[in-house]
N, C-alpha and C. Protein backbone atom coordinates (compact mmCIF):
# COMPACT_ATOMS: atom_id res chain seq x y z
N MET A 1 0.79 -1.54 -0.03
CA MET A 1 0.16 0.21 -0.24
C MET A 1 0.57 1.33 0.22
N THR A 2 0.45 2.24 -0.72
CA THR A 2 1.41 3.31 -0.91
C THR A 2 1.31 4.45 0.09
N GLU A 3 1.78 4.96 0.28
CA GLU A 3 1.53 6.46 1.31
C GLU A 3 1.12 7.78 0.77
N TYR A 4 0.73 8.34 1.39
CA TYR A 4 0.41 9.95 0.67
C TYR A 4 0.46 11.13 1.52
N ARG A 5 0.06 12.23 1.31
CA ARG A 5 0.61 13.41 2.02
C ARG A 5 -0.59 14.02 2.16
N ASN A 6 -1.21 14.66 3.53
CA ASN A 6 -2.39 15.42 3.64
C ASN A 6 -2.09 16.13 4.83
N HIS A 7 -3.30 17.02 5.35
CA HIS A 7 -3.09 17.58 6.57
C HIS A 7 -2.83 17.18 7.93
N ASN A 8 -3.09 16.10 7.84
CA ASN A 8 -2.98 14.88 9.13
C ASN A 8 -1.62 14.32 9.22
N THR A 9 -1.22 13.72 7.85
CA THR A 9 0.46 12.95 7.88
C THR A 9 1.09 13.95 8.05
N ALA A 10 1.48 15.57 7.52
CA ALA A 10 2.16 16.51 7.78
C ALA A 10 2.80 16.59 9.29
N PHE A 11 1.85 15.57 10.13
CA PHE A 11 2.47 15.69 11.52
C PHE A 11 3.13 14.41 11.79
N HIS A 12 2.93 13.42 11.07
CA HIS A 12 3.59 12.21 11.42
C HIS A 12 5.27 12.30 12.15
N SER A 13 5.85 12.94 11.38
CA SER A 13 7.13 12.82 11.66
C SER A 13 7.32 13.16 13.24
N GLU A 14 6.65 13.90 13.58
CA GLU A 14 6.54 14.80 15.05
C GLU A 14 6.16 13.63 16.12
N LEU A 15 5.27 13.00 15.50
CA LEU A 15 4.61 11.63 16.30
C LEU A 15 5.33 10.60 16.23
N LEU A 16 6.00 10.34 15.31
CA LEU A 16 7.04 9.28 15.57
C LEU A 16 8.41 9.68 16.46
N ALA A 17 8.88 10.79 16.26
CA ALA A 17 9.68 11.27 16.99
C ALA A 17 9.73 11.30 18.61
N ALA A 18 8.02 11.39 18.97
CA ALA A 18 7.80 11.27 20.22
C ALA A 18 7.87 9.85 21.14
N VAL A 19 8.24 8.84 20.34
CA VAL A 19 8.11 7.39 20.71
C VAL A 19 9.61 7.63 21.55
N PRO A 20 9.64 7.46 22.86
CA PRO A 20 10.72 7.90 23.84
C PRO A 20 11.65 6.69 23.75
N HIS A 21 11.26 5.52 23.59
CA HIS A 21 12.22 4.12 23.62
C HIS A 21 11.74 3.27 22.87
N ARG A 22 12.86 2.42 22.30
CA ARG A 22 12.43 1.37 21.39
C ARG A 22 11.74 0.43 22.25
N ASP A 23 11.74 -0.01 23.27
CA ASP A 23 10.76 -1.06 24.07
C ASP A 23 9.44 -0.58 24.63
N ASN A 24 9.26 0.66 24.29
CA ASN A 24 7.53 1.25 24.55
C ASN A 24 6.70 0.70 23.70
N SER A 25 5.32 0.96 24.35
CA SER A 25 4.10 0.32 23.24
C SER A 25 3.43 1.46 23.20
N VAL A 26 2.70 1.57 21.87
CA VAL A 26 1.99 2.76 21.40
C VAL A 26 0.89 2.38 21.35
N LEU A 27 -0.42 3.18 21.31
CA LEU A 27 -1.65 3.20 20.77
C LEU A 27 -2.08 4.62 20.05
N ASP A 28 -2.43 3.94 18.68
CA ASP A 28 -2.82 5.22 17.98
C ASP A 28 -4.55 5.25 17.73
N ILE A 29 -4.93 6.14 18.44
CA ILE A 29 -6.94 6.36 18.30
C ILE A 29 -7.07 6.81 17.24
N GLY A 30 -8.06 6.07 16.53
CA GLY A 30 -8.44 6.60 15.01
C GLY A 30 -7.54 6.24 14.13
N CYS A 31 -7.11 5.10 14.20
CA CYS A 31 -5.58 4.66 13.04
C CYS A 31 -5.95 4.82 11.71
N GLY A 32 -7.26 4.81 11.24
CA GLY A 32 -7.74 4.25 10.19
C GLY A 32 -7.25 3.57 9.18
N ASP A 33 -6.31 3.87 8.13
CA ASP A 33 -5.86 2.75 7.40
C ASP A 33 -4.30 2.43 7.73
N GLY A 34 -3.90 2.72 9.04
CA GLY A 34 -3.04 2.29 9.54
C GLY A 34 -1.41 3.09 9.08
N LEU A 35 -1.22 4.12 8.05
CA LEU A 35 -0.29 4.79 7.77
C LEU A 35 0.52 5.29 8.78
N LEU A 36 0.17 5.74 9.85
CA LEU A 36 0.74 6.69 11.18
C LEU A 36 1.27 5.16 11.63
N LEU A 37 0.38 4.16 12.06
CA LEU A 37 0.87 2.91 12.68
C LEU A 37 1.95 2.05 12.42
N ARG A 38 1.94 2.17 11.36
CA ARG A 38 3.38 1.47 10.24
C ARG A 38 4.47 2.26 10.54
N LYS A 39 4.21 3.31 10.60
CA LYS A 39 5.74 4.33 10.65
C LYS A 39 6.14 4.48 12.47
N LEU A 40 4.83 4.05 13.13
CA LEU A 40 5.20 4.03 14.49
C LEU A 40 5.78 2.39 14.74
N ALA A 41 5.47 1.80 13.97
CA ALA A 41 6.14 0.41 14.33
C ALA A 41 7.48 0.11 14.22
N THR A 42 8.16 1.18 13.40
CA THR A 42 9.69 1.16 13.13
C THR A 42 10.13 1.64 14.44
N ALA A 43 9.60 2.22 15.41
CA ALA A 43 10.40 2.58 16.44
C ALA A 43 9.82 2.24 17.60
N ALA A 44 9.02 1.54 17.91
CA ALA A 44 8.40 0.98 18.95
C ALA A 44 8.27 -0.59 19.31
N ALA A 45 8.44 -0.78 20.37
CA ALA A 45 8.46 -2.64 20.51
C ALA A 45 6.98 -3.20 19.84
N SER A 46 5.87 -2.29 20.62
CA SER A 46 4.45 -2.88 20.14
C SER A 46 3.75 -1.80 19.72
N VAL A 47 2.68 -1.95 18.91
CA VAL A 47 1.79 -1.18 18.44
C VAL A 47 0.41 -1.37 18.33
N THR A 48 -0.60 -0.42 18.90
CA THR A 48 -1.92 -0.86 18.59
C THR A 48 -2.69 0.15 17.99
N GLY A 49 -3.68 0.02 17.23
CA GLY A 49 -4.42 0.57 16.47
C GLY A 49 -5.75 0.57 16.56
N ILE A 50 -6.50 1.62 17.07
CA ILE A 50 -8.09 1.28 17.07
C ILE A 50 -8.65 2.22 16.04
N ASP A 51 -9.88 1.77 15.58
CA ASP A 51 -10.74 2.68 14.72
C ASP A 51 -12.25 1.97 14.59
N SER A 52 -13.39 2.36 14.66
CA SER A 52 -14.55 1.91 14.59
C SER A 52 -14.81 1.93 13.20
N ASP A 53 -14.45 2.11 12.06
CA ASP A 53 -14.37 2.15 10.94
C ASP A 53 -13.97 0.99 10.19
N HIS A 54 -14.88 0.18 9.82
CA HIS A 54 -14.27 -1.53 9.42
C HIS A 54 -13.99 -1.48 8.11
N SER A 55 -14.01 -0.67 7.34
CA SER A 55 -13.35 -0.61 5.97
C SER A 55 -11.93 -0.27 6.38
N ALA A 56 -11.95 1.14 6.82
CA ALA A 56 -10.41 1.48 7.32
C ALA A 56 -9.49 0.39 8.03
N VAL A 57 -10.18 -0.33 9.18
CA VAL A 57 -9.35 -1.36 9.91
C VAL A 57 -9.29 -2.19 8.83
N ALA A 58 -9.93 -2.62 7.83
CA ALA A 58 -9.24 -3.71 6.84
C ALA A 58 -8.21 -3.47 6.23
N ARG A 59 -8.31 -1.70 5.77
CA ARG A 59 -6.98 -1.75 5.18
C ARG A 59 -5.62 -1.42 5.81
N ALA A 60 -5.88 -1.29 7.10
CA ALA A 60 -4.56 -1.17 8.20
C ALA A 60 -4.41 -2.52 8.32
N ARG A 61 -5.17 -3.53 8.53
CA ARG A 61 -4.54 -5.22 8.67
C ARG A 61 -3.91 -5.58 7.24
N ALA A 62 -4.21 -4.84 6.22
CA ALA A 62 -3.69 -5.20 5.17
C ALA A 62 -2.14 -4.47 5.14
N ARG A 63 -2.05 -2.85 5.12
CA ARG A 63 -0.83 -2.54 5.46
C ARG A 63 0.21 -3.09 6.57
N LEU A 64 -0.42 -3.74 7.44
CA LEU A 64 0.36 -4.21 8.53
C LEU A 64 0.77 -5.65 8.66
N ALA A 65 0.23 -6.08 7.48
CA ALA A 65 0.40 -7.41 7.69
C ALA A 65 1.53 -8.42 7.69
N ASP A 66 2.54 -7.75 7.45
CA ASP A 66 4.04 -8.05 7.92
C ASP A 66 4.54 -7.52 8.94
N THR A 67 3.75 -6.99 9.87
CA THR A 67 4.34 -5.98 10.75
C THR A 67 4.38 -6.60 12.04
N PRO A 68 5.49 -7.37 12.60
CA PRO A 68 5.33 -8.08 13.82
C PRO A 68 4.93 -7.38 15.24
N ASP A 69 4.25 -7.64 16.14
CA ASP A 69 3.98 -7.08 17.12
C ASP A 69 3.22 -5.85 16.77
N ALA A 70 2.24 -5.82 16.06
CA ALA A 70 1.54 -4.80 15.28
C ALA A 70 -0.22 -5.43 15.42
N HIS A 71 -1.08 -4.83 16.62
CA HIS A 71 -2.41 -5.46 16.87
C HIS A 71 -3.57 -4.02 16.47
N LEU A 72 -4.53 -4.61 15.55
CA LEU A 72 -5.84 -3.99 15.26
C LEU A 72 -6.77 -4.17 16.19
N VAL A 73 -7.75 -3.11 16.54
CA VAL A 73 -9.26 -3.20 17.33
C VAL A 73 -9.76 -2.71 16.60
N GLU A 74 -11.18 -3.41 16.06
CA GLU A 74 -12.11 -2.66 15.54
C GLU A 74 -13.00 -2.11 16.46
N GLY A 75 -13.12 -1.26 16.91
CA GLY A 75 -14.20 -0.78 17.71
C GLY A 75 -14.00 0.65 18.18
N ASP A 76 -14.80 1.02 19.55
CA ASP A 76 -14.74 2.42 19.86
C ASP A 76 -13.75 2.60 21.13
N VAL A 77 -13.09 3.34 21.07
CA VAL A 77 -11.80 3.39 22.08
C VAL A 77 -12.65 3.71 23.67
N LEU A 78 -13.78 4.60 23.51
CA LEU A 78 -14.48 4.60 24.76
C LEU A 78 -14.95 3.36 25.62
N THR A 79 -15.28 2.58 24.88
CA THR A 79 -15.96 1.50 25.41
C THR A 79 -15.29 -0.33 25.20
N SER A 80 -14.19 0.08 24.55
CA SER A 80 -13.59 -1.36 24.00
C SER A 80 -13.19 -2.04 25.01
N SER A 81 -13.50 -3.41 25.22
CA SER A 81 -12.76 -3.92 26.81
C SER A 81 -11.58 -4.49 26.41
N GLU A 82 -11.38 -4.54 24.93
CA GLU A 82 -10.14 -5.28 25.03
C GLU A 82 -8.83 -4.25 25.16
N LEU A 83 -9.13 -2.95 25.48
CA LEU A 83 -7.89 -1.99 25.88
C LEU A 83 -7.76 -2.01 27.70
N ASP A 84 -9.10 -2.27 28.21
CA ASP A 84 -9.26 -2.07 29.39
C ASP A 84 -7.96 -2.77 30.52
N ASP A 85 -7.40 -3.73 30.25
CA ASP A 85 -6.13 -4.02 30.97
C ASP A 85 -4.88 -3.85 30.64
N ARG A 86 -5.04 -2.78 29.54
CA ARG A 86 -3.55 -2.26 28.94
C ARG A 86 -3.38 -0.86 29.34
N ARG A 87 -2.11 -0.39 29.16
CA ARG A 87 -1.22 0.85 29.48
C ARG A 87 -0.30 0.96 28.47
N PHE A 88 -0.48 2.20 27.80
CA PHE A 88 0.51 2.40 26.66
C PHE A 88 1.54 3.66 27.11
N ASP A 89 2.63 3.18 26.51
CA ASP A 89 3.78 4.67 26.97
C ASP A 89 3.53 5.99 26.09
N LEU A 90 2.85 5.70 24.95
CA LEU A 90 2.40 6.82 24.06
C LEU A 90 1.35 6.35 23.57
N ILE A 91 0.33 7.91 23.55
CA ILE A 91 -0.74 7.65 22.68
C ILE A 91 -0.87 8.65 21.61
N THR A 92 -1.22 8.29 20.76
CA THR A 92 -1.42 9.29 19.67
C THR A 92 -2.82 9.50 18.92
N CYS A 93 -3.58 10.36 18.67
CA CYS A 93 -4.60 11.05 18.37
C CYS A 93 -4.75 11.72 17.07
N VAL A 94 -4.90 11.53 15.72
CA VAL A 94 -4.81 12.43 14.88
C VAL A 94 -5.95 12.52 14.28
N ALA A 95 -6.54 13.70 14.23
CA ALA A 95 -8.03 14.28 13.71
C ALA A 95 -9.07 13.35 14.07
N THR A 96 -9.21 12.99 15.27
CA THR A 96 -10.11 12.08 16.01
C THR A 96 -10.51 12.56 17.03
N LEU A 97 -10.04 13.47 17.83
CA LEU A 97 -10.87 13.96 19.03
C LEU A 97 -12.25 14.49 19.00
N HIS A 98 -12.39 15.35 17.80
CA HIS A 98 -13.64 16.14 17.64
C HIS A 98 -14.62 14.78 16.94
N HIS A 99 -14.18 13.64 16.84
CA HIS A 99 -15.48 12.62 16.75
C HIS A 99 -15.92 12.23 17.90
N MET A 100 -15.46 12.64 18.86
CA MET A 100 -15.99 12.11 20.31
C MET A 100 -16.52 13.14 21.28
N PRO A 101 -16.95 12.58 22.24
CA PRO A 101 -17.38 13.90 23.41
C PRO A 101 -16.06 13.86 24.05
N LEU A 102 -15.72 15.23 24.13
CA LEU A 102 -14.22 15.86 24.20
C LEU A 102 -13.87 15.52 25.83
N ILE A 103 -14.86 15.68 26.88
CA ILE A 103 -14.04 15.26 28.16
C ILE A 103 -13.96 13.67 28.36
N ILE A 104 -14.90 13.12 28.05
CA ILE A 104 -14.89 11.64 28.40
C ILE A 104 -14.00 11.16 27.49
N ALA A 105 -13.42 11.58 26.05
CA ALA A 105 -12.44 10.87 25.49
C ALA A 105 -11.04 11.12 26.27
N LEU A 106 -10.79 12.57 26.40
CA LEU A 106 -9.46 12.98 27.24
C LEU A 106 -9.60 12.15 28.41
N GLU A 107 -10.38 11.92 29.17
CA GLU A 107 -10.55 10.93 30.42
C GLU A 107 -10.03 9.52 30.04
N ARG A 108 -10.66 8.85 28.59
CA ARG A 108 -10.39 7.63 28.42
C ARG A 108 -8.56 7.67 28.17
N MET A 109 -8.31 8.88 27.48
CA MET A 109 -6.75 8.67 27.20
C MET A 109 -6.06 8.82 28.07
N ARG A 110 -6.54 9.45 29.40
CA ARG A 110 -5.61 9.46 30.47
C ARG A 110 -5.78 7.96 31.22
N GLU A 111 -7.01 7.41 31.44
CA GLU A 111 -6.92 6.01 31.99
C GLU A 111 -5.95 5.10 31.30
N LEU A 112 -5.63 5.32 30.00
CA LEU A 112 -5.19 4.28 29.24
C LEU A 112 -3.59 4.45 29.13
N LEU A 113 -3.32 5.90 29.58
CA LEU A 113 -1.97 5.95 29.37
C LEU A 113 -1.17 5.62 30.68
N ALA A 114 -0.01 4.98 30.43
CA ALA A 114 0.95 4.54 31.68
C ALA A 114 1.53 5.78 32.49
N PRO A 115 1.94 5.68 33.71
CA PRO A 115 2.43 6.68 34.30
C PRO A 115 3.82 6.92 34.02
N GLY A 116 3.98 8.21 33.54
CA GLY A 116 5.06 8.75 32.68
C GLY A 116 4.81 8.45 31.34
N GLY A 117 3.89 8.69 30.73
CA GLY A 117 3.43 8.02 29.30
C GLY A 117 3.18 9.55 28.69
N SER A 118 3.39 9.78 27.43
CA SER A 118 3.20 10.56 26.59
C SER A 118 1.73 10.52 25.78
N LEU A 119 0.99 11.92 25.73
CA LEU A 119 -0.41 11.60 25.13
C LEU A 119 0.19 13.05 24.00
N ARG A 120 -0.02 12.52 22.81
CA ARG A 120 -0.10 13.57 21.20
C ARG A 120 -0.95 13.46 20.96
N ILE A 121 -1.83 14.58 20.87
CA ILE A 121 -3.10 14.73 20.11
C ILE A 121 -2.86 15.74 18.74
N VAL A 122 -2.81 15.54 17.81
CA VAL A 122 -3.55 16.56 16.42
C VAL A 122 -4.82 16.58 16.36
N GLY A 123 -5.37 17.69 16.27
CA GLY A 123 -6.89 18.15 16.51
C GLY A 123 -7.07 19.14 15.40
N LEU A 124 -8.86 19.07 15.49
CA LEU A 124 -9.47 20.25 14.67
C LEU A 124 -10.20 20.88 15.59
N SER A 125 -10.24 22.35 15.60
CA SER A 125 -11.23 22.94 16.42
C SER A 125 -12.12 23.98 15.42
N ALA A 126 -13.18 24.28 16.31
CA ALA A 126 -14.23 24.90 15.44
C ALA A 126 -13.74 26.51 15.53
N ASN A 127 -13.96 27.35 14.39
CA ASN A 127 -13.93 28.63 14.53
C ASN A 127 -15.05 29.59 15.12
N LYS A 128 -14.78 29.69 16.46
CA LYS A 128 -15.94 30.68 17.28
C LYS A 128 -15.58 32.01 17.35
N THR A 129 -14.30 32.25 17.46
CA THR A 129 -13.97 33.96 18.14
C THR A 129 -13.65 34.38 16.54
N VAL A 130 -13.24 35.59 17.13
CA VAL A 130 -12.82 36.70 15.94
C VAL A 130 -11.45 36.05 15.41
N ILE A 131 -10.69 35.80 16.69
CA ILE A 131 -9.30 35.45 16.68
C ILE A 131 -9.16 34.46 15.92
N ASP A 132 -10.38 33.33 15.82
CA ASP A 132 -10.25 31.85 15.05
C ASP A 132 -10.21 32.34 14.07
N ARG A 133 -11.28 32.97 13.44
CA ARG A 133 -11.51 33.33 12.16
C ARG A 133 -10.59 33.90 11.53
N LEU A 134 -9.79 34.95 12.20
CA LEU A 134 -8.64 35.66 11.65
C LEU A 134 -7.73 34.79 11.21
N VAL A 135 -7.17 33.80 12.21
CA VAL A 135 -6.16 32.77 11.89
C VAL A 135 -6.50 31.92 10.63
N ALA A 136 -7.90 31.64 10.86
CA ALA A 136 -7.84 30.38 9.51
C ALA A 136 -8.33 31.04 8.13
N GLY A 137 -8.18 32.42 8.41
CA GLY A 137 -8.67 33.21 7.00
C GLY A 137 -7.14 33.57 6.71
N ALA A 138 -6.51 33.75 7.16
CA ALA A 138 -4.85 33.99 7.30
C ALA A 138 -3.96 32.57 6.60
N LEU A 139 -4.70 31.54 6.84
CA LEU A 139 -3.96 30.52 6.44
C LEU A 139 -4.70 29.91 5.01
N VAL A 140 -5.59 30.49 4.75
CA VAL A 140 -6.20 29.86 3.20
C VAL A 140 -5.32 29.68 2.36
N LEU A 141 -4.88 30.92 2.00
CA LEU A 141 -3.54 30.76 0.73
C LEU A 141 -2.58 29.81 0.98
N PRO A 142 -1.91 29.97 1.75
CA PRO A 142 -0.74 29.29 2.12
C PRO A 142 -0.54 27.84 2.23
N VAL A 143 -1.72 27.51 2.89
CA VAL A 143 -2.59 25.95 3.11
C VAL A 143 -2.47 25.48 1.68
N ARG A 144 -3.31 26.30 0.91
CA ARG A 144 -3.78 25.70 -0.73
C ARG A 144 -2.48 25.71 -1.38
N VAL A 145 -1.39 26.67 -1.30
CA VAL A 145 -0.10 26.31 -1.90
C VAL A 145 0.38 24.98 -1.42
N ALA A 146 0.53 24.77 -0.33
CA ALA A 146 1.19 23.66 0.70
C ALA A 146 0.52 22.39 0.03
N SER A 147 -0.77 22.41 0.16
CA SER A 147 -1.52 21.29 -0.69
C SER A 147 -1.56 20.91 -2.04
N THR A 148 -0.99 22.05 -2.71
CA THR A 148 -0.94 21.64 -4.22
C THR A 148 0.49 21.06 -4.50
N ILE A 149 1.37 22.02 -3.81
CA ILE A 149 3.12 21.33 -3.73
C ILE A 149 2.79 19.88 -3.30
N HIS A 150 2.58 19.31 -2.51
CA HIS A 150 2.67 18.22 -1.95
C HIS A 150 1.49 17.27 -2.27
N ARG A 151 0.53 17.64 -3.54
CA ARG A 151 -0.30 16.73 -3.97
C ARG A 151 -1.26 15.85 -3.23
N GLU A 152 -1.77 16.58 -2.17
CA GLU A 152 -2.47 15.99 -1.09
C GLU A 152 -3.75 15.32 -1.28
N SER A 153 -3.55 13.86 -0.62
CA SER A 153 -4.50 12.83 -0.49
C SER A 153 -5.06 12.07 0.59
N GLY A 154 -5.95 11.55 0.48
CA GLY A 154 -6.02 10.62 1.36
C GLY A 154 -6.56 9.27 1.28
N TYR A 155 -7.14 8.42 1.91
CA TYR A 155 -7.51 7.07 1.31
C TYR A 155 -9.06 6.68 1.15
N PRO A 156 -9.62 6.44 0.35
CA PRO A 156 -10.92 6.12 -0.24
C PRO A 156 -11.79 6.22 0.94
N GLY A 157 -12.81 6.62 1.10
CA GLY A 157 -14.11 6.58 2.01
C GLY A 157 -13.30 7.21 3.55
N MET A 158 -12.50 7.81 3.87
CA MET A 158 -11.92 8.62 4.99
C MET A 158 -13.19 9.35 5.60
N THR A 159 -13.32 8.92 6.87
CA THR A 159 -14.60 9.65 7.72
C THR A 159 -14.35 11.18 8.02
N THR A 160 -14.81 12.00 7.45
CA THR A 160 -14.92 13.14 8.13
C THR A 160 -16.05 13.75 9.01
N GLU A 161 -15.74 14.79 9.76
CA GLU A 161 -16.84 15.37 10.39
C GLU A 161 -16.18 17.13 10.99
N GLN A 162 -17.32 17.96 10.84
CA GLN A 162 -16.73 19.06 11.73
C GLN A 162 -16.82 18.87 12.81
N PRO A 163 -15.58 19.95 13.34
CA PRO A 163 -15.63 19.91 15.12
C PRO A 163 -16.52 20.93 15.46
N ARG A 164 -16.84 20.57 16.63
CA ARG A 164 -17.72 21.32 17.81
C ARG A 164 -17.29 22.34 18.47
N GLU A 165 -15.95 21.79 18.95
CA GLU A 165 -15.38 22.88 19.99
C GLU A 165 -14.52 23.88 19.38
N SER A 166 -14.41 24.64 20.34
CA SER A 166 -13.34 25.63 19.80
C SER A 166 -12.09 25.45 20.45
N LEU A 167 -11.15 26.15 19.92
CA LEU A 167 -9.53 25.77 20.84
C LEU A 167 -10.02 26.47 22.29
N ALA A 168 -10.68 27.33 22.42
CA ALA A 168 -10.66 27.90 24.01
C ALA A 168 -11.58 26.82 24.58
N ASP A 169 -12.49 26.40 24.22
CA ASP A 169 -13.16 25.25 24.67
C ASP A 169 -12.41 23.88 25.22
N ILE A 170 -11.45 23.68 24.04
CA ILE A 170 -10.66 22.53 24.43
C ILE A 170 -9.48 22.75 25.42
N ARG A 171 -8.80 24.12 25.33
CA ARG A 171 -7.88 24.39 26.30
C ARG A 171 -8.79 24.30 27.81
N ARG A 172 -9.91 24.71 27.98
CA ARG A 172 -10.37 24.51 29.28
C ARG A 172 -10.39 23.09 29.80
N ALA A 173 -11.11 21.98 28.64
CA ALA A 173 -11.18 20.63 28.96
C ALA A 173 -10.08 20.18 29.16
N ALA A 174 -8.71 20.41 28.62
CA ALA A 174 -7.59 20.11 28.93
C ALA A 174 -7.14 20.02 30.31
N ALA A 175 -7.18 21.50 30.58
CA ALA A 175 -6.77 22.24 32.01
C ALA A 175 -7.51 21.48 33.11
N MET A 176 -8.69 20.74 32.59
CA MET A 176 -9.31 19.94 33.74
C MET A 176 -9.07 18.93 34.01
N VAL A 177 -8.82 18.10 32.75
CA VAL A 177 -8.61 16.85 32.94
C VAL A 177 -6.86 16.11 32.74
N LEU A 178 -6.37 17.20 32.26
CA LEU A 178 -4.92 16.80 31.52
C LEU A 178 -4.15 18.08 32.36
N PRO A 179 -4.21 18.33 33.92
CA PRO A 179 -3.24 19.60 34.12
C PRO A 179 -1.92 19.50 34.04
N GLY A 180 -1.46 20.66 33.08
CA GLY A 180 -0.05 20.78 32.59
C GLY A 180 -0.09 20.57 31.30
N SER A 181 -1.12 20.23 30.33
CA SER A 181 -0.73 19.98 29.14
C SER A 181 -0.83 21.09 28.19
N ARG A 182 -0.38 21.19 27.03
CA ARG A 182 0.30 22.04 26.23
C ARG A 182 -0.57 21.87 24.88
N ILE A 183 -1.10 23.37 24.73
CA ILE A 183 -2.00 23.31 23.36
C ILE A 183 -1.17 24.47 22.31
N HIS A 184 -1.08 24.10 21.06
CA HIS A 184 -0.70 25.17 20.14
C HIS A 184 -1.27 25.21 19.00
N ARG A 185 -1.76 26.17 18.29
CA ARG A 185 -2.38 26.51 17.12
C ARG A 185 -1.42 25.85 16.43
N ARG A 186 -1.44 25.16 14.84
CA ARG A 186 -0.74 24.78 14.12
C ARG A 186 -1.16 25.21 12.71
N PHE A 187 -0.25 24.87 11.57
CA PHE A 187 -0.71 24.75 10.46
C PHE A 187 -1.52 23.77 10.11
N TYR A 188 -2.25 23.96 8.71
CA TYR A 188 -3.26 23.30 8.51
C TYR A 188 -4.56 23.28 9.10
N TYR A 189 -4.59 23.96 9.76
CA TYR A 189 -6.04 24.30 10.57
C TYR A 189 -5.96 23.46 11.73
N ARG A 190 -4.85 22.98 12.20
CA ARG A 190 -4.96 22.20 13.25
C ARG A 190 -4.04 22.84 14.58
N TYR A 191 -4.47 21.84 15.82
CA TYR A 191 -3.72 22.15 17.16
C TYR A 191 -3.16 20.91 17.22
N THR A 192 -2.13 21.03 18.15
CA THR A 192 -1.42 19.84 18.83
C THR A 192 -1.44 20.14 20.28
N LEU A 193 -1.49 19.05 20.92
CA LEU A 193 -1.81 18.75 22.42
C LEU A 193 -0.77 17.74 23.09
N ASP A 194 0.06 18.16 23.71
CA ASP A 194 1.26 17.13 24.53
C ASP A 194 0.81 17.27 25.84
N TRP A 195 0.72 16.03 26.30
CA TRP A 195 0.52 15.78 27.66
C TRP A 195 1.63 14.59 28.22
N THR A 196 2.15 14.92 29.35
CA THR A 196 2.85 13.64 30.03
C THR A 196 2.18 13.33 31.51
N LYS A 197 1.89 11.93 31.53
CA LYS A 197 1.09 11.58 32.48
C LYS A 197 2.29 11.50 33.87
N PRO A 198 1.70 12.17 35.02
CA PRO A 198 2.64 12.10 35.92
C PRO A 198 3.15 10.48 36.66
N LEU A 199 4.29 10.68 37.29
CA LEU A 199 4.77 9.12 37.58
C LEU A 199 3.82 8.62 39.09
């Protein structure tokens, strides 16, 4: 299966660099067709991907067929019993958080993270304030240029949904559930959230 570039995969190198040790375990929430998971498998001892989209998980299984220590779960991360007894050193979540109830999802990620582990989210937020709209407007031209240069694409049937919460909403929720987390506006209409679970 081929690789591709889009607004989400642009952050893959950062997420790959976030794997702290070769013997770590990684969970990718909303793994889609497994492109990020395949990259993470080159740096971690074991990788697990979860997605509720049957066709996406089927593509991920095909992409990771020859990857040892890779495990795919078809289901909802909020309710999947297959993850209940596991804890991960790194959890990644790309363009998926806005598909779930914000606070409940952050609490679940906190639960699944091992003490000292890292959470890395690349997310989308709704433009609700004047600043949100100004930033989004300023990005239109450079994002279009970058997208054209990189010939961006996705995989067939990729599930999309408009975000509901603003960046301010996400900051408030993260401050409550993940105290000490860092959130930054990023290119491609994205934000990143980084958090390390206390020991």
